[in-house]
């Protein structure tokens, strides 16, 4: 023991004082300094006669190091214990108090928490990006924080506002891939990107952990789902950037898009339940519904104006036309804005008539029709019949340009009153040539050449526009009842 004391340093070797400071130095040269504070040890032998050179007391197990200042590793360790013996150790903590004795900074090893502030003193956290300096005018400038959290306002600031250094928050995956980036310089939020990250998405959930709003970078879609409180909601609004579609409504929900003015008044509404689009309406601003389509120069070419009840087509160097097509995508009516003409592109002028029940199922386009005793139409069946009315329109390539009295009742067919129409013709008794006048034939529903002018008065249907040398067939006829 004496040799140990003689070889050890005295207190004066590690302690020194000046007029302004007292210092304690542990470790120098090749030896690192270390300060250890231990908890009481446990007695492992009963008290009894002491061993030579030791006091007459029991031997104790060394206490646990609960505070260690290690100069070699530059570490400070607080707390610790023996594995499997939680009661034997101590929990490390750092408590920093203010001048009135309140804990204002606490690093707690038990809760794994860092607490800033206490009582009426809100905590603040600042990460300094630059030390205090003096500018070119000799003015002293304070330190600037690149990360600052203010507990008073509950705000987190990333970046140096005074120095103009933009902040950014990066959440990465493996390597240097940025899966989430909040960029203060460009004011952008980036999600996903790169082969090592995947597709970005924003998922907003309700209290039942169901996605109600999804912004998907893979499909370029924004989806808003309805939720009835019991089951998973159906997609009711979908904006698809790939197809350029906006879908409102869906299973269990009718989509509605509303547009309001600056006063919150509804000025436009598109309803999915009835496929209706409303613009304007009864409101304090007197908004009137208008649909305006403009060309690339910004000039209005098509307009539906509810103020005047007008439909505008053309103007500003463009002639407005209206085209009406049939089911085969063929123009049937054209209103020509350049000439002011209304063009009926089909061949004849027709009018609907009632057909007798006996003939309604066998009468077909091209058939020659007469009046029966009840004033209804029937198929002709004799020569030179003065009760002839005309030819059923719609045979061959000629369709009716105008059909009158079309009331939607059953057993009615259009009869060509003038114009061109295909007609069932009978050339068995006399060949038909172009320009021949035609009358009724004894062959049911057919026309024949007028051979007896004396009998033709009041029975002529029209003139043949094509010949038929023999037999029966369809030929074009210019309708001209005489």
Foldseek 3Di string as FASTA:
>chain_A
DVVVVVPDDDQVVQWDDDPVDIGGHADDDPGWGKDFDFDDFAFPFAFAQDDPPDDRGGDTDHGHGQWMCTRVVRDTHHKDDDVPCVVRIDWGKDFDADPVGDGQWMCTRVVNDTHGGDDPGFGKDFAFPDAWDADPVRRTDHTFGQWMATRVVRDIHHGTPVVPGWGKDFDADPDPHGQWMCTRVVRDIDHADDPVHDWGKDFDADPVRAGQWMCTRVFRKTWGFDDPPPDHTHTAWMQTPVVRDIHGGDVPGWGKDFDADPVRHTQWMQTRVVRDIGGGDDDPVRGWDKDFDADPVRDTAWMQGRVVRDTHHGDPPGFGKDFDADPVRHTQWMQTRVVRDIDGPAWFEWEKFAADPVCLVPADFQFWWFQDPVRGIDWDQAWLDLRTDATFADPDPGHHSHYPPPPPDPRMTIGGQFTKGKHKEACAPHKAAFFFWWFDHNHTRYIYGDPDPVSNVSGTQFTFRHIDGHGIDIGMGGGDGD
